[in-house]
Amino acid sequence: MEEAPGKSAYSILKAIEEKYNIRSSTLKLNARSLRRLGLIDFSKGKNAELTINGKVILSVIKNREAENGK
């Protein structure tokens, strides 16, 4: 899923849950792991966002996909 500016972590996880049929507990666990790794930032009352490091990782993934024709 691409960046979703201006959305809370809850609304992003809810959309992923509905679109991909992934349990919310799994998504929350992974979101916390990504936050601990410093790739995303979210807290109560704030919008979720990629950190600088998260944006770098996303860029690498996109470049690899483009190179592989995906």
N, C-alpha and C. Protein backbone atom coordinates (compact mmCIF):
# COMPACT_ATOMS: atom_id res chain seq x y z
N MET A 1 0.85 -1.18 0.00
CA MET A 1 0.00 0.00 0.00
C MET A 1 0.89 1.24 0.00
N GLU A 2 0.51 2.21 -0.79
CA GLU A 2 1.28 3.45 -0.90
C GLU A 2 1.10 4.30 0.36
N GLU A 3 1.85 5.38 0.39
CA GLU A 3 1.69 6.33 1.49
C GLU A 3 0.25 6.84 1.50
N ALA A 4 -0.23 7.15 2.67
CA ALA A 4 -1.59 7.65 2.83
C ALA A 4 -1.55 8.90 3.70
N PRO A 5 -1.14 10.04 3.12
CA PRO A 5 -1.01 11.25 3.93
C PRO A 5 -2.32 11.66 4.59
N GLY A 6 -2.21 12.09 5.85
CA GLY A 6 -3.37 12.62 6.55
C GLY A 6 -4.29 11.57 7.13
N LYS A 7 -3.85 10.32 7.20
CA LYS A 7 -4.71 9.27 7.76
C LYS A 7 -4.08 8.71 9.03
N SER A 8 -4.95 8.30 9.93
CA SER A 8 -4.46 7.71 11.18
C SER A 8 -4.01 6.27 10.90
N ALA A 9 -3.18 5.76 11.81
CA ALA A 9 -2.73 4.37 11.69
C ALA A 9 -3.94 3.44 11.69
N TYR A 10 -4.91 3.73 12.55
CA TYR A 10 -6.12 2.90 12.63
C TYR A 10 -6.83 2.83 11.28
N SER A 11 -7.04 3.98 10.63
CA SER A 11 -7.79 3.97 9.37
C SER A 11 -7.00 3.26 8.26
N ILE A 12 -5.69 3.39 8.28
CA ILE A 12 -4.86 2.70 7.29
C ILE A 12 -4.92 1.19 7.51
N LEU A 13 -4.76 0.76 8.76
CA LEU A 13 -4.82 -0.67 9.06
C LEU A 13 -6.19 -1.25 8.77
N LYS A 14 -7.24 -0.49 9.05
CA LYS A 14 -8.61 -0.95 8.76
C LYS A 14 -8.80 -1.15 7.26
N ALA A 15 -8.28 -0.23 6.45
CA ALA A 15 -8.41 -0.34 4.99
C ALA A 15 -7.64 -1.56 4.48
N ILE A 16 -6.46 -1.80 5.03
CA ILE A 16 -5.67 -2.97 4.63
C ILE A 16 -6.39 -4.25 5.03
N GLU A 17 -6.93 -4.26 6.23
CA GLU A 17 -7.67 -5.42 6.73
C GLU A 17 -8.81 -5.77 5.79
N GLU A 18 -9.57 -4.78 5.38
CA GLU A 18 -10.73 -5.02 4.52
C GLU A 18 -10.31 -5.40 3.10
N LYS A 19 -9.30 -4.74 2.56
CA LYS A 19 -8.88 -4.99 1.18
C LYS A 19 -8.21 -6.35 1.01
N TYR A 20 -7.35 -6.72 1.97
CA TYR A 20 -6.54 -7.93 1.81
C TYR A 20 -6.95 -9.07 2.75
N ASN A 21 -7.99 -8.85 3.56
CA ASN A 21 -8.49 -9.87 4.47
C ASN A 21 -7.39 -10.38 5.41
N ILE A 22 -6.68 -9.44 6.02
CA ILE A 22 -5.63 -9.76 6.99
C ILE A 22 -6.15 -9.37 8.36
N ARG A 23 -5.96 -10.23 9.33
CA ARG A 23 -6.45 -9.97 10.68
C ARG A 23 -5.83 -8.70 11.25
N SER A 24 -6.64 -7.93 11.96
CA SER A 24 -6.17 -6.67 12.53
C SER A 24 -5.06 -6.89 13.55
N SER A 25 -5.10 -8.01 14.28
CA SER A 25 -4.05 -8.28 15.26
C SER A 25 -2.69 -8.45 14.58
N THR A 26 -2.68 -9.08 13.42
CA THR A 26 -1.44 -9.25 12.65
C THR A 26 -0.94 -7.90 12.16
N LEU A 27 -1.84 -7.08 11.66
CA LEU A 27 -1.46 -5.76 11.15
C LEU A 27 -0.92 -4.88 12.27
N LYS A 28 -1.56 -4.92 13.44
CA LYS A 28 -1.10 -4.11 14.57
C LYS A 28 0.29 -4.54 15.03
N LEU A 29 0.51 -5.84 15.09
CA LEU A 29 1.81 -6.37 15.48
C LEU A 29 2.90 -5.90 14.52
N ASN A 30 2.61 -5.98 13.22
CA ASN A 30 3.58 -5.56 12.22
C ASN A 30 3.79 -4.05 12.23
N ALA A 31 2.73 -3.29 12.47
CA ALA A 31 2.87 -1.83 12.56
C ALA A 31 3.77 -1.45 13.73
N ARG A 32 3.59 -2.12 14.87
CA ARG A 32 4.45 -1.85 16.02
C ARG A 32 5.91 -2.20 15.71
N SER A 33 6.12 -3.31 15.00
CA SER A 33 7.48 -3.71 14.62
C SER A 33 8.11 -2.67 13.70
N LEU A 34 7.34 -2.19 12.73
CA LEU A 34 7.86 -1.16 11.81
C LEU A 34 8.18 0.13 12.55
N ARG A 35 7.38 0.45 13.56
CA ARG A 35 7.64 1.65 14.36
C ARG A 35 8.92 1.46 15.18
N ARG A 36 9.09 0.29 15.79
CA ARG A 36 10.32 0.02 16.55
C ARG A 36 11.56 0.08 15.67
N LEU A 37 11.42 -0.32 14.41
CA LEU A 37 12.53 -0.26 13.46
C LEU A 37 12.78 1.16 12.94
N GLY A 38 11.88 2.07 13.28
CA GLY A 38 12.04 3.46 12.85
C GLY A 38 11.62 3.71 11.41
N LEU A 39 10.72 2.86 10.88
CA LEU A 39 10.28 3.01 9.49
C LEU A 39 8.96 3.76 9.37
N ILE A 40 8.14 3.71 10.41
CA ILE A 40 6.90 4.47 10.43
C ILE A 40 6.77 5.17 11.78
N ASP A 41 5.95 6.19 11.81
CA ASP A 41 5.71 6.93 13.04
C ASP A 41 4.22 7.15 13.19
N PHE A 42 3.69 6.79 14.33
CA PHE A 42 2.28 7.06 14.63
C PHE A 42 2.10 7.04 16.13
N SER A 43 1.18 7.81 16.58
CA SER A 43 0.79 7.79 17.98
C SER A 43 -0.64 8.28 18.06
N LYS A 44 -1.25 8.10 19.20
CA LYS A 44 -2.66 8.46 19.37
C LYS A 44 -2.88 9.93 19.03
N GLY A 45 -3.84 10.17 18.16
CA GLY A 45 -4.18 11.53 17.80
C GLY A 45 -3.32 12.13 16.70
N LYS A 46 -2.35 11.38 16.20
CA LYS A 46 -1.48 11.87 15.12
C LYS A 46 -1.69 11.03 13.88
N ASN A 47 -1.42 11.63 12.73
CA ASN A 47 -1.47 10.88 11.48
C ASN A 47 -0.27 9.95 11.40
N ALA A 48 -0.47 8.81 10.75
CA ALA A 48 0.62 7.87 10.53
C ALA A 48 1.45 8.38 9.35
N GLU A 49 2.76 8.17 9.43
CA GLU A 49 3.60 8.58 8.32
C GLU A 49 4.87 7.76 8.27
N LEU A 50 5.44 7.68 7.08
CA LEU A 50 6.74 7.05 6.92
C LEU A 50 7.80 7.99 7.46
N THR A 51 8.80 7.44 8.10
CA THR A 51 9.94 8.24 8.53
C THR A 51 10.87 8.40 7.32
N ILE A 52 11.93 9.15 7.48
CA ILE A 52 12.91 9.30 6.40
C ILE A 52 13.42 7.91 6.00
N ASN A 53 13.77 7.09 7.00
CA ASN A 53 14.25 5.74 6.71
C ASN A 53 13.19 4.90 6.01
N GLY A 54 11.94 5.06 6.40
CA GLY A 54 10.85 4.35 5.75
C GLY A 54 10.71 4.75 4.30
N LYS A 55 10.89 6.03 4.02
CA LYS A 55 10.80 6.52 2.64
C LYS A 55 11.95 5.97 1.79
N VAL A 56 13.12 5.85 2.39
CA VAL A 56 14.27 5.28 1.67
C VAL A 56 13.97 3.82 1.31
N ILE A 57 13.48 3.06 2.27
CA ILE A 57 13.15 1.64 2.03
C ILE A 57 12.08 1.53 0.95
N LEU A 58 11.04 2.35 1.01
CA LEU A 58 9.99 2.33 0.00
C LEU A 58 10.56 2.64 -1.37
N SER A 59 11.46 3.60 -1.46
CA SER A 59 12.09 3.95 -2.72
C SER A 59 12.88 2.77 -3.30
N VAL A 60 13.62 2.08 -2.44
CA VAL A 60 14.39 0.91 -2.88
C VAL A 60 13.46 -0.17 -3.42
N ILE A 61 12.37 -0.42 -2.71
CA ILE A 61 11.41 -1.44 -3.14
C ILE A 61 10.82 -1.07 -4.49
N LYS A 62 10.41 0.19 -4.65
CA LYS A 62 9.83 0.64 -5.92
C LYS A 62 10.83 0.51 -7.06
N ASN A 63 12.10 0.87 -6.81
CA ASN A 63 13.12 0.77 -7.85
C ASN A 63 13.35 -0.69 -8.24
N ARG A 64 13.38 -1.57 -7.27
CA ARG A 64 13.57 -3.00 -7.56
C ARG A 64 12.41 -3.53 -8.37
N GLU A 65 11.19 -3.15 -8.01
CA GLU A 65 10.01 -3.59 -8.76
C GLU A 65 10.07 -3.09 -10.20
N ALA A 66 10.51 -1.84 -10.38
CA ALA A 66 10.60 -1.27 -11.72
C ALA A 66 11.66 -2.02 -12.54
N GLU A 67 12.78 -2.36 -11.92
CA GLU A 67 13.82 -3.11 -12.61
C GLU A 67 13.37 -4.50 -13.01
N ASN A 68 12.53 -5.10 -12.19
CA ASN A 68 12.04 -6.46 -12.45
C ASN A 68 10.76 -6.47 -13.27
N GLY A 69 10.29 -5.30 -13.68
CA GLY A 69 9.10 -5.22 -14.52
C GLY A 69 7.80 -5.53 -13.84
N LYS A 70 7.71 -5.25 -12.54
CA LYS A 70 6.45 -5.52 -11.82
C LYS A 70 5.61 -4.30 -11.77
